Amino acid sequence: MSSTDSGDETPLRILLVDDHPVVRRGLRAMFEDHGGMRVVGEAADGTQALQVLAGLLGPEGSGVDIVLMDLQMGAGMDGVAATERITAQPSAPPVLVLTTYDTDADILAAVEAGASGYMLKDAPPEELCHAVRAAARGETALAPHVAARLLGRLRTPGPALSPREVEILGLLARGLANRAIARELFISEATVKTHLVHVYDKLGVDSRTAAVSAALERGIIRSR
């Protein structure tokens, strides 16, 4: 236990949001072993997180100092949507994303949704506990790798792809042809071709294969 922990008068109250019970159990044990932290609630997806949080923040609840949020949670509400809903509430606790995904698209979506920090699940326990405390104090807590990615984007932002263009890139990565993409998105094949022209121009490529490769390399889309 660190001196910071021993000086805390009350434990830091944490709400865990992750669809894997084993992960939640491991995190709960880690925080409780570390000292000065207590898991006061758990949720398996974004919808459940909102319900549990409402109870914890209600008149009979114990309160929450920090929400630890996964990003992808099966068929339920994902972490980005849940983060956006939580941070939009008055006097809401900070949200710290804890995930295995570190693509630019995931990081930017979480930050834009209002997350106070972004950590990866392979972070050492001390580093994660430090990030949780920092986020609970209202500070920004970013994994070193994530901070480097964001700084790189600020230094060389380049033309931003639109959400539709990213969506089309994801379908390209799945091997869909233009006609299939058009059916999937309920748009015309000509519109797909127009989007692809813009994608090629922004990524500085001249083919479908090169576009997918560049998007994967830059973290715009995830490999499946």
C-alpha atoms as a PDB file:
ATOM      1  CA  MET A   1       0.000   0.000   0.000  1.00  0.00           C
ATOM      2  CA  SER A   2       1.412   3.398  -0.904  1.00  0.00           C
ATOM      3  CA  SER A   3       1.525   6.440   1.360  1.00  0.00           C
ATOM      4  CA  THR A   4      -1.138   8.006  -0.832  1.00  0.00           C
ATOM      5  CA  ASP A   5      -3.411   5.062  -0.156  1.00  0.00           C
ATOM      6  CA  SER A   6      -2.844   5.127   3.596  1.00  0.00           C
ATOM      7  CA  GLY A   7      -3.663   8.834   3.675  1.00  0.00           C
ATOM      8  CA  ASP A   8      -7.046   8.397   2.049  1.00  0.00           C
ATOM      9  CA  GLU A   9      -9.867   8.825   4.539  1.00  0.00           C
ATOM     10  CA  THR A  10     -12.424   6.995   2.409  1.00  0.00           C
ATOM     11  CA  PRO A  11     -11.885   4.411  -0.346  1.00  0.00           C
ATOM     12  CA  LEU A  12     -12.216   5.496  -3.956  1.00  0.00           C
ATOM     13  CA  ARG A  13     -15.575   4.155  -5.175  1.00  0.00           C
ATOM     14  CA  ILE A  14     -15.412   2.413  -8.562  1.00  0.00           C
ATOM     15  CA  LEU A  15     -18.093   1.208 -10.975  1.00  0.00           C
ATOM     16  CA  LEU A  16     -16.752  -1.577 -13.255  1.00  0.00           C
ATOM     17  CA  VAL A  17     -18.293  -1.947 -16.720  1.00  0.00           C
ATOM     18  CA  ASP A  18     -17.095  -4.987 -18.684  1.00  0.00           C
ATOM     19  CA  ASP A  19     -18.954  -7.874 -20.323  1.00  0.00           C
ATOM     20  CA  HIS A  20     -16.495 -10.505 -19.046  1.00  0.00           C
ATOM     21  CA  PRO A  21     -17.185 -11.632 -15.449  1.00  0.00           C
ATOM     22  CA  VAL A  22     -13.642 -12.978 -15.117  1.00  0.00           C
ATOM     23  CA  VAL A  23     -12.198  -9.560 -16.009  1.00  0.00           C
ATOM     24  CA  ARG A  24     -14.471  -7.816 -13.506  1.00  0.00           C
ATOM     25  CA  ARG A  25     -13.524 -10.325 -10.803  1.00  0.00           C
ATOM     26  CA  GLY A  26      -9.829  -9.810 -11.471  1.00  0.00           C
ATOM     27  CA  LEU A  27     -10.099  -6.031 -11.424  1.00  0.00           C
ATOM     28  CA  ARG A  28     -12.134  -6.092  -8.216  1.00  0.00           C
ATOM     29  CA  ALA A  29      -9.484  -8.237  -6.510  1.00  0.00           C
ATOM     30  CA  MET A  30      -6.672  -6.015  -7.782  1.00  0.00           C
ATOM     31  CA  PHE A  31      -8.245  -2.789  -6.539  1.00  0.00           C
ATOM     32  CA  GLU A  32      -9.160  -4.242  -3.168  1.00  0.00           C
ATOM     33  CA  ASP A  33      -5.657  -5.707  -2.718  1.00  0.00           C
ATOM     34  CA  HIS A  34      -4.093  -2.404  -3.693  1.00  0.00           C
ATOM     35  CA  GLY A  35      -5.889  -0.545  -0.923  1.00  0.00           C
ATOM     36  CA  GLY A  36      -7.760   2.743  -0.873  1.00  0.00           C
ATOM     37  CA  MET A  37     -10.170   1.562  -3.565  1.00  0.00           C
ATOM     38  CA  ARG A  38     -13.506  -0.211  -3.465  1.00  0.00           C
ATOM     39  CA  VAL A  39     -15.688  -1.571  -6.273  1.00  0.00           C
ATOM     40  CA  VAL A  40     -19.238  -0.482  -5.429  1.00  0.00           C
ATOM     41  CA  GLY A  41     -20.962  -1.736  -8.582  1.00  0.00           C
ATOM     42  CA  GLU A  42     -20.599  -3.823 -11.727  1.00  0.00           C
ATOM     43  CA  ALA A  43     -22.286  -3.840 -15.135  1.00  0.00           C
ATOM     44  CA  ALA A  44     -21.980  -6.036 -18.221  1.00  0.00           C
ATOM     45  CA  ASP A  45     -22.859  -3.409 -20.846  1.00  0.00           C
ATOM     46  CA  GLY A  46     -23.642   0.262 -21.286  1.00  0.00           C
ATOM     47  CA  THR A  47     -27.365  -0.031 -20.632  1.00  0.00           C
ATOM     48  CA  GLN A  48     -26.809  -1.872 -17.373  1.00  0.00           C
ATOM     49  CA  ALA A  49     -24.094   0.624 -16.441  1.00  0.00           C
ATOM     50  CA  LEU A  50     -26.562   3.499 -16.692  1.00  0.00           C
ATOM     51  CA  GLN A  51     -29.058   1.636 -14.530  1.00  0.00           C
ATOM     52  CA  VAL A  52     -26.488   0.685 -11.878  1.00  0.00           C
ATOM     53  CA  LEU A  53     -25.045   4.196 -11.863  1.00  0.00           C
ATOM     54  CA  ALA A  54     -28.478   5.727 -11.348  1.00  0.00           C
ATOM     55  CA  GLY A  55     -28.952   3.546  -8.279  1.00  0.00           C
ATOM     56  CA  LEU A  56     -25.523   4.322  -6.876  1.00  0.00           C
ATOM     57  CA  LEU A  57     -26.023   8.065  -7.344  1.00  0.00           C
ATOM     58  CA  GLY A  58     -29.572   8.000  -5.951  1.00  0.00           C
ATOM     59  CA  PRO A  59     -30.611   8.931  -2.406  1.00  0.00           C
ATOM     60  CA  GLU A  60     -29.968   5.389  -1.150  1.00  0.00           C
ATOM     61  CA  GLY A  61     -26.795   4.804  -3.180  1.00  0.00           C
ATOM     62  CA  SER A  62     -23.213   4.738  -1.985  1.00  0.00           C
ATOM     63  CA  GLY A  63     -21.992   7.143  -4.671  1.00  0.00           C
ATOM     64  CA  VAL A  64     -19.379   6.657  -7.413  1.00  0.00           C
ATOM     65  CA  ASP A  65     -16.044   8.441  -7.843  1.00  0.00           C
ATOM     66  CA  ILE A  66     -14.979   6.854 -11.149  1.00  0.00           C
ATOM     67  CA  VAL A  67     -16.467   4.626 -13.866  1.00  0.00           C
ATOM     68  CA  LEU A  68     -14.081   2.123 -15.458  1.00  0.00           C
ATOM     69  CA  MET A  69     -15.512   1.446 -18.922  1.00  0.00           C
ATOM     70  CA  ASP A  70     -14.780  -1.237 -21.532  1.00  0.00           C
ATOM     71  CA  LEU A  71     -15.459  -0.315 -25.183  1.00  0.00           C
ATOM     72  CA  GLN A  72     -16.835  -3.397 -26.950  1.00  0.00           C
ATOM     73  CA  MET A  73     -19.436  -5.337 -24.952  1.00  0.00           C
ATOM     74  CA  GLY A  74     -21.206  -7.858 -27.147  1.00  0.00           C
ATOM     75  CA  ALA A  75     -24.674  -6.950 -28.334  1.00  0.00           C
ATOM     76  CA  GLY A  76     -25.303  -4.425 -25.559  1.00  0.00           C
ATOM     77  CA  MET A  77     -24.723  -0.675 -25.597  1.00  0.00           C
ATOM     78  CA  ASP A  78     -21.035  -0.097 -26.274  1.00  0.00           C
ATOM     79  CA  GLY A  79     -18.647   1.890 -24.117  1.00  0.00           C
ATOM     80  CA  VAL A  80     -18.548   4.976 -26.333  1.00  0.00           C
ATOM     81  CA  ALA A  81     -22.330   5.405 -26.270  1.00  0.00           C
ATOM     82  CA  ALA A  82     -22.454   4.749 -22.523  1.00  0.00           C
ATOM     83  CA  THR A  83     -19.627   7.219 -21.878  1.00  0.00           C
ATOM     84  CA  GLU A  84     -21.438   9.882 -23.870  1.00  0.00           C
ATOM     85  CA  ARG A  85     -24.644   9.277 -21.902  1.00  0.00           C
ATOM     86  CA  ILE A  86     -22.856   9.342 -18.548  1.00  0.00           C
ATOM     87  CA  THR A  87     -20.720  12.422 -19.137  1.00  0.00           C
ATOM     88  CA  ALA A  88     -23.761  14.348 -20.372  1.00  0.00           C
ATOM     89  CA  GLN A  89     -25.357  14.048 -16.933  1.00  0.00           C
ATOM     90  CA  PRO A  90     -24.881  16.844 -14.414  1.00  0.00           C
ATOM     91  CA  SER A  91     -22.354  16.031 -11.665  1.00  0.00           C
ATOM     92  CA  ALA A  92     -21.510  12.717 -13.362  1.00  0.00           C
ATOM     93  CA  PRO A  93     -18.379  10.859 -12.240  1.00  0.00           C
ATOM     94  CA  PRO A  94     -15.413  10.762 -14.650  1.00  0.00           C
ATOM     95  CA  VAL A  95     -15.181   7.829 -17.061  1.00  0.00           C
ATOM     96  CA  LEU A  96     -11.877   6.037 -17.626  1.00  0.00           C
ATOM     97  CA  VAL A  97     -11.833   3.689 -20.626  1.00  0.00           C
ATOM     98  CA  LEU A  98     -10.108   0.337 -20.046  1.00  0.00           C
ATOM     99  CA  THR A  99      -9.944  -1.753 -23.206  1.00  0.00           C
ATOM    100  CA  THR A 100      -7.822  -3.963 -25.437  1.00  0.00           C
ATOM    101  CA  TYR A 101      -8.381  -1.727 -28.494  1.00  0.00           C
ATOM    102  CA  ASP A 102      -5.904   1.034 -29.301  1.00  0.00           C
ATOM    103  CA  THR A 103      -6.821   2.191 -32.805  1.00  0.00           C
ATOM    104  CA  ASP A 104      -7.052   5.894 -33.573  1.00  0.00           C
ATOM    105  CA  ALA A 105     -10.758   5.493 -34.290  1.00  0.00           C
ATOM    106  CA  ASP A 106     -11.459   3.949 -30.866  1.00  0.00           C
ATOM    107  CA  ILE A 107      -9.300   6.440 -28.974  1.00  0.00           C
ATOM    108  CA  LEU A 108     -10.783   9.497 -30.671  1.00  0.00           C
ATOM    109  CA  ALA A 109     -14.349   8.213 -30.290  1.00  0.00           C
ATOM    110  CA  ALA A 110     -13.846   7.687 -26.551  1.00  0.00           C
ATOM    111  CA  VAL A 111     -12.221  11.083 -26.031  1.00  0.00           C
ATOM    112  CA  GLU A 112     -14.925  12.834 -28.052  1.00  0.00           C
ATOM    113  CA  ALA A 113     -17.567  11.050 -25.959  1.00  0.00           C
ATOM    114  CA  GLY A 114     -16.105  12.683 -22.859  1.00  0.00           C
ATOM    115  CA  ALA A 115     -13.801  10.025 -21.397  1.00  0.00           C
ATOM    116  CA  SER A 116     -11.259  11.421 -18.938  1.00  0.00           C
ATOM    117  CA  GLY A 117      -8.693   8.808 -19.858  1.00  0.00           C
ATOM    118  CA  TYR A 118      -7.853   5.762 -21.936  1.00  0.00           C
ATOM    119  CA  MET A 119      -5.928   2.766 -20.614  1.00  0.00           C
ATOM    120  CA  LEU A 120      -5.164  -0.660 -22.040  1.00  0.00           C
ATOM    121  CA  LYS A 121      -5.901  -3.893 -20.190  1.00  0.00           C
ATOM    122  CA  ASP A 122      -2.288  -5.019 -20.335  1.00  0.00           C
ATOM    123  CA  ALA A 123      -1.179  -2.037 -18.215  1.00  0.00           C
ATOM    124  CA  PRO A 124       0.734  -2.919 -15.022  1.00  0.00           C
ATOM    125  CA  PRO A 125      -1.459  -2.786 -11.882  1.00  0.00           C
ATOM    126  CA  GLU A 126       0.422   0.192 -10.407  1.00  0.00           C
ATOM    127  CA  GLU A 127       0.019   2.154 -13.637  1.00  0.00           C
ATOM    128  CA  LEU A 128      -3.686   1.364 -13.845  1.00  0.00           C
ATOM    129  CA  CYS A 129      -4.327   2.285 -10.203  1.00  0.00           C
ATOM    130  CA  HIS A 130      -2.462   5.556 -10.701  1.00  0.00           C
ATOM    131  CA  ALA A 131      -4.614   6.304 -13.778  1.00  0.00           C
ATOM    132  CA  VAL A 132      -7.823   5.543 -11.864  1.00  0.00           C
ATOM    133  CA  ARG A 133      -6.861   7.964  -9.089  1.00  0.00           C
ATOM    134  CA  ALA A 134      -5.810  10.640 -11.569  1.00  0.00           C
ATOM    135  CA  ALA A 135      -9.068  10.380 -13.536  1.00  0.00           C
ATOM    136  CA  ALA A 136     -11.098  10.479 -10.307  1.00  0.00           C
ATOM    137  CA  ARG A 137      -9.340  13.755  -9.441  1.00  0.00           C
ATOM    138  CA  GLY A 138     -10.454  15.195 -12.771  1.00  0.00           C
ATOM    139  CA  GLU A 139      -7.098  14.782 -14.499  1.00  0.00           C
ATOM    140  CA  THR A 140      -6.489  13.265 -17.920  1.00  0.00           C
ATOM    141  CA  ALA A 141      -5.108   9.726 -17.703  1.00  0.00           C
ATOM    142  CA  LEU A 142      -3.689   8.218 -20.886  1.00  0.00           C
ATOM    143  CA  ALA A 143      -1.593   5.120 -21.434  1.00  0.00           C
ATOM    144  CA  PRO A 144       1.825   6.208 -22.807  1.00  0.00           C
ATOM    145  CA  HIS A 145       1.147   4.472 -26.123  1.00  0.00           C
ATOM    146  CA  VAL A 146      -2.255   6.176 -26.430  1.00  0.00           C
ATOM    147  CA  ALA A 147      -0.794   9.588 -25.568  1.00  0.00           C
ATOM    148  CA  ALA A 148       1.837   9.120 -28.270  1.00  0.00           C
ATOM    149  CA  ARG A 149      -0.842   8.224 -30.819  1.00  0.00           C
ATOM    150  CA  LEU A 150      -2.885  11.325 -29.999  1.00  0.00           C
ATOM    151  CA  LEU A 151       0.190  13.551 -30.100  1.00  0.00           C
ATOM    152  CA  GLY A 152       1.119  12.103 -33.485  1.00  0.00           C
ATOM    153  CA  ARG A 153      -2.303  12.913 -34.854  1.00  0.00           C
ATOM    154  CA  LEU A 154      -2.063  16.484 -33.570  1.00  0.00           C
ATOM    155  CA  ARG A 155       1.327  16.930 -35.230  1.00  0.00           C
ATOM    156  CA  THR A 156       0.291  15.401 -38.565  1.00  0.00           C
ATOM    157  CA  PRO A 157      -3.506  15.414 -38.604  1.00  0.00           C
ATOM    158  CA  GLY A 158      -4.035  15.050 -42.362  1.00  0.00           C
ATOM    159  CA  PRO A 159      -7.493  15.142 -43.962  1.00  0.00           C
ATOM    160  CA  ALA A 160     -10.041  13.491 -41.693  1.00  0.00           C
ATOM    161  CA  LEU A 161     -12.212  10.692 -43.032  1.00  0.00           C
ATOM    162  CA  SER A 162     -15.950  11.078 -42.551  1.00  0.00           C
ATOM    163  CA  PRO A 163     -17.881   8.456 -40.543  1.00  0.00           C
ATOM    164  CA  ARG A 164     -19.368   7.138 -43.803  1.00  0.00           C
ATOM    165  CA  GLU A 165     -15.925   6.820 -45.379  1.00  0.00           C
ATOM    166  CA  VAL A 166     -14.660   4.897 -42.342  1.00  0.00           C
ATOM    167  CA  GLU A 167     -17.729   2.673 -42.574  1.00  0.00           C
ATOM    168  CA  ILE A 168     -17.026   1.940 -46.244  1.00  0.00           C
ATOM    169  CA  LEU A 169     -13.383   1.174 -45.430  1.00  0.00           C
ATOM    170  CA  GLY A 170     -14.550  -1.343 -42.838  1.00  0.00           C
ATOM    171  CA  LEU A 171     -16.710  -3.073 -45.433  1.00  0.00           C
ATOM    172  CA  LEU A 172     -13.819  -3.037 -47.906  1.00  0.00           C
ATOM    173  CA  ALA A 173     -11.710  -4.786 -45.294  1.00  0.00           C
ATOM    174  CA  ARG A 174     -14.366  -7.500 -45.116  1.00  0.00           C
ATOM    175  CA  GLY A 175     -13.918  -8.058 -48.848  1.00  0.00           C
ATOM    176  CA  LEU A 176     -17.237  -6.592 -50.028  1.00  0.00           C
ATOM    177  CA  ALA A 177     -17.511  -5.337 -53.589  1.00  0.00           C
ATOM    178  CA  ASN A 178     -19.014  -1.933 -54.417  1.00  0.00           C
ATOM    179  CA  ARG A 179     -22.438  -3.394 -55.177  1.00  0.00           C
ATOM    180  CA  ALA A 180     -22.520  -5.296 -51.887  1.00  0.00           C
ATOM    181  CA  ILE A 181     -21.410  -2.183 -49.986  1.00  0.00           C
ATOM    182  CA  ALA A 182     -24.188  -0.192 -51.621  1.00  0.00           C
ATOM    183  CA  ARG A 183     -26.767  -2.790 -50.543  1.00  0.00           C
ATOM    184  CA  GLU A 184     -25.342  -2.905 -47.021  1.00  0.00           C
ATOM    185  CA  LEU A 185     -25.528   0.879 -46.590  1.00  0.00           C
ATOM    186  CA  PHE A 186     -28.694   1.479 -48.641  1.00  0.00           C
ATOM    187  CA  ILE A 187     -26.929   3.859 -51.006  1.00  0.00           C
ATOM    188  CA  SER A 188     -26.245   3.758 -54.747  1.00  0.00           C
ATOM    189  CA  GLU A 189     -23.191   2.107 -56.256  1.00  0.00           C
ATOM    190  CA  ALA A 190     -22.237   5.470 -57.761  1.00  0.00           C
ATOM    191  CA  THR A 191     -22.225   7.003 -54.267  1.00  0.00           C
ATOM    192  CA  VAL A 192     -19.915   4.244 -53.053  1.00  0.00           C
ATOM    193  CA  LYS A 193     -17.519   5.003 -55.905  1.00  0.00           C
ATOM    194  CA  THR A 194     -17.569   8.719 -55.051  1.00  0.00           C
ATOM    195  CA  HIS A 195     -16.761   7.968 -51.419  1.00  0.00           C
ATOM    196  CA  LEU A 196     -13.904   5.709 -52.494  1.00  0.00           C
ATOM    197  CA  VAL A 197     -12.407   8.484 -54.639  1.00  0.00           C
ATOM    198  CA  HIS A 198     -12.373  10.730 -51.556  1.00  0.00           C
ATOM    199  CA  VAL A 199     -10.908   7.935 -49.401  1.00  0.00           C
ATOM    200  CA  TYR A 200      -8.107   7.256 -51.873  1.00  0.00           C
ATOM    201  CA  ASP A 201      -7.289  10.960 -52.050  1.00  0.00           C
ATOM    202  CA  LYS A 202      -7.208  11.420 -48.260  1.00  0.00           C
ATOM    203  CA  LEU A 203      -5.105   8.315 -47.675  1.00  0.00           C
ATOM    204  CA  GLY A 204      -2.801   8.975 -50.616  1.00  0.00           C
ATOM    205  CA  VAL A 205      -3.467   5.587 -52.244  1.00  0.00           C
ATOM    206  CA  ASP A 206      -4.800   4.385 -55.574  1.00  0.00           C
ATOM    207  CA  SER A 207      -6.396   1.007 -54.903  1.00  0.00           C
ATOM    208  CA  ARG A 208      -8.792  -0.818 -52.609  1.00  0.00           C
ATOM    209  CA  THR A 209      -6.046  -3.032 -51.196  1.00  0.00           C
ATOM    210  CA  ALA A 210      -3.783  -0.053 -50.472  1.00  0.00           C
ATOM    211  CA  ALA A 211      -6.664   1.832 -48.827  1.00  0.00           C
ATOM    212  CA  VAL A 212      -7.418  -1.053 -46.472  1.00  0.00           C
ATOM    213  CA  SER A 213      -3.730  -1.516 -45.699  1.00  0.00           C
ATOM    214  CA  ALA A 214      -3.248   2.191 -44.926  1.00  0.00           C
ATOM    215  CA  ALA A 215      -6.401   2.310 -42.782  1.00  0.00           C
ATOM    216  CA  LEU A 216      -5.272  -0.694 -40.738  1.00  0.00           C
ATOM    217  CA  GLU A 217      -1.751   0.688 -40.337  1.00  0.00           C
ATOM    218  CA  ARG A 218      -3.042   4.063 -39.123  1.00  0.00           C
ATOM    219  CA  GLY A 219      -5.600   2.515 -36.800  1.00  0.00           C
ATOM    220  CA  ILE A 220      -8.591   3.950 -38.669  1.00  0.00           C
ATOM    221  CA  ILE A 221     -10.216   0.517 -38.762  1.00  0.00           C
ATOM    222  CA  ARG A 222      -9.564  -2.740 -36.896  1.00  0.00           C
ATOM    223  CA  SER A 223      -8.613  -6.058 -38.446  1.00  0.00           C
ATOM    224  CA  ARG A 224     -11.260  -8.734 -37.996  1.00  0.00           C
END
